[in-house]
Amino acid sequence: QVQLVESGGGLVQAGGSLRLSCAASGTIFKINVMGWYRQAPGKQRELVADISEGGSTDYADSVKGRFTISRDNAKSTVYLQMNSLKPEDTAVYYCYAQGANFATWDVWGQGTQVTVSS
């Protein structure tokens, strides 16, 4: 069974930076996609960014140019560097991974709170 453990959330002033990390553990043969979603109070969960095993990335328009996603395949870890944070980035950030062992699987992390004060 694959599990994801997130770290790096917290409180930061507008214009500041935070780096989120998410490590996958368990029996892992292959991780196809790793990514970050977020959910603000009263809103639906939305994709922030994701990255393929080969390094192809996709970003929400609202974070392009400010956030950078990267991954270390050897460590089964994905990172989200968040710069120039805005109050509207405040949300619970969830790590996501999709992979394959003998069958495909997908898992979510427990979420980490990011709060940006104005």
Protein backbone atom coordinates (compact mmCIF):
# COMPACT_ATOMS: atom_id res chain seq x y z
CA GLN A 1 0.00 0.00 0.00
CA VAL A 2 1.34 3.41 -0.97
CA GLN A 3 1.18 6.35 1.41
CA LEU A 4 2.00 10.03 0.95
CA VAL A 5 3.39 12.24 3.70
CA GLU A 6 3.37 16.00 3.18
CA SER A 7 5.35 18.68 4.96
CA GLY A 8 6.19 22.35 4.63
CA GLY A 9 2.92 24.19 5.07
CA GLY A 10 2.50 27.13 7.41
CA LEU A 11 1.76 30.81 7.77
CA VAL A 12 3.52 33.37 5.60
CA GLN A 13 3.03 37.01 4.69
CA ALA A 14 1.96 38.02 1.21
CA GLY A 15 4.95 38.09 -1.11
CA GLY A 16 6.71 35.37 0.85
CA SER A 17 7.69 31.84 -0.09
CA LEU A 18 7.06 28.32 1.10
CA ARG A 19 8.23 24.92 -0.10
CA LEU A 20 6.02 21.88 0.19
CA SER A 21 7.36 18.34 0.10
CA CYS A 22 5.56 15.05 -0.36
CA ALA A 23 7.21 11.67 -0.03
CA ALA A 24 5.68 8.41 -1.17
CA SER A 25 6.37 5.22 0.74
CA GLY A 26 5.36 1.58 0.50
CA THR A 27 5.63 -0.88 -2.32
CA ILE A 28 6.23 1.28 -5.39
CA PHE A 29 7.15 -0.02 -8.79
CA LYS A 30 6.35 3.08 -10.80
CA ILE A 31 4.88 6.52 -10.14
CA ASN A 32 3.45 8.03 -13.29
CA VAL A 33 2.21 11.38 -12.05
CA MET A 34 2.70 13.35 -8.85
CA GLY A 35 1.00 16.60 -8.16
CA TRP A 36 -0.53 19.13 -5.82
CA TYR A 37 -4.14 20.14 -5.46
CA ARG A 38 -5.62 22.71 -3.12
CA GLN A 39 -8.95 23.39 -1.53
CA ALA A 40 -9.97 26.70 -0.04
CA PRO A 41 -12.96 27.03 2.32
CA GLY A 42 -16.20 26.84 0.38
CA LYS A 43 -14.48 25.99 -2.88
CA GLN A 44 -13.85 22.85 -4.88
CA ARG A 45 -10.51 21.11 -4.87
CA GLU A 46 -8.43 22.32 -7.83
CA LEU A 47 -5.24 21.27 -9.52
CA VAL A 48 -2.27 23.46 -8.69
CA ALA A 49 0.46 21.61 -10.61
CA ASP A 50 1.49 18.13 -11.60
CA ILE A 51 4.55 16.47 -13.06
CA SER A 52 5.04 13.27 -15.00
CA GLU A 53 7.76 10.71 -14.42
CA GLY A 54 9.61 12.20 -17.36
CA GLY A 55 9.38 15.72 -16.00
CA SER A 56 6.54 17.20 -18.03
CA THR A 57 4.66 19.76 -15.96
CA ASP A 58 1.25 21.36 -15.92
CA TYR A 59 0.20 24.40 -13.89
CA ALA A 60 -2.99 26.20 -13.04
CA ASP A 61 -3.07 29.60 -14.71
CA SER A 62 -3.31 31.29 -11.33
CA VAL A 63 0.11 30.02 -10.22
CA LYS A 64 2.11 30.10 -13.45
CA GLY A 65 5.31 32.06 -13.01
CA ARG A 66 5.09 31.89 -9.22
CA PHE A 67 5.06 28.17 -8.35
CA THR A 68 7.48 25.48 -9.50
CA ILE A 69 6.88 21.76 -9.21
CA SER A 70 9.73 19.26 -9.26
CA ARG A 71 10.30 15.65 -8.31
CA ASP A 72 13.08 13.33 -7.25
CA ASN A 73 12.23 9.94 -8.71
CA ALA A 74 14.91 8.18 -6.69
CA LYS A 75 13.28 9.43 -3.49
CA SER A 76 9.68 9.17 -4.74
CA THR A 77 9.26 12.77 -3.63
CA VAL A 78 7.58 15.77 -5.19
CA TYR A 79 8.15 19.39 -4.25
CA LEU A 80 6.21 22.59 -4.75
CA GLN A 81 8.18 25.82 -4.48
CA MET A 82 5.73 28.65 -3.95
CA ASN A 83 6.98 32.21 -4.42
CA SER A 84 5.23 35.59 -4.42
CA LEU A 85 2.42 34.10 -2.38
CA LYS A 86 -0.93 35.86 -2.32
CA PRO A 87 -3.78 35.72 0.21
CA GLU A 88 -5.85 33.89 -2.41
CA ASP A 89 -3.32 31.03 -2.28
CA THR A 90 -4.58 30.24 1.22
CA ALA A 91 -5.90 26.67 1.21
CA VAL A 92 -5.25 23.13 2.29
CA TYR A 93 -2.76 21.67 -0.15
CA TYR A 94 -3.02 17.97 -0.98
CA CYS A 95 -0.38 15.82 -2.57
CA TYR A 96 -1.49 13.28 -5.17
CA ALA A 97 0.24 10.39 -6.87
CA GLN A 98 -0.80 7.91 -9.52
CA GLY A 99 1.25 4.87 -10.35
CA ALA A 100 1.32 1.20 -11.14
CA ASN A 101 2.42 -1.95 -9.39
CA PHE A 102 0.54 -5.03 -10.58
CA ALA A 103 -2.41 -2.69 -11.02
CA THR A 104 -2.77 1.05 -11.23
CA TRP A 105 -3.27 2.99 -8.05
CA ASP A 106 -3.78 6.53 -6.91
CA VAL A 107 -3.43 8.01 -3.45
CA TRP A 108 -3.83 11.33 -1.65
CA GLY A 109 -1.90 12.85 1.18
CA GLN A 110 -3.55 14.09 4.35
CA GLY A 111 -3.23 17.75 3.39
CA THR A 112 -1.17 20.61 4.73
CA GLN A 113 -2.47 24.09 5.52
CA VAL A 114 -0.98 27.09 3.75
CA THR A 115 -2.10 30.47 5.05
CA VAL A 116 -1.01 33.73 3.42
CA SER A 117 -1.68 36.89 5.40
CA SER A 118 -2.16 40.26 3.74
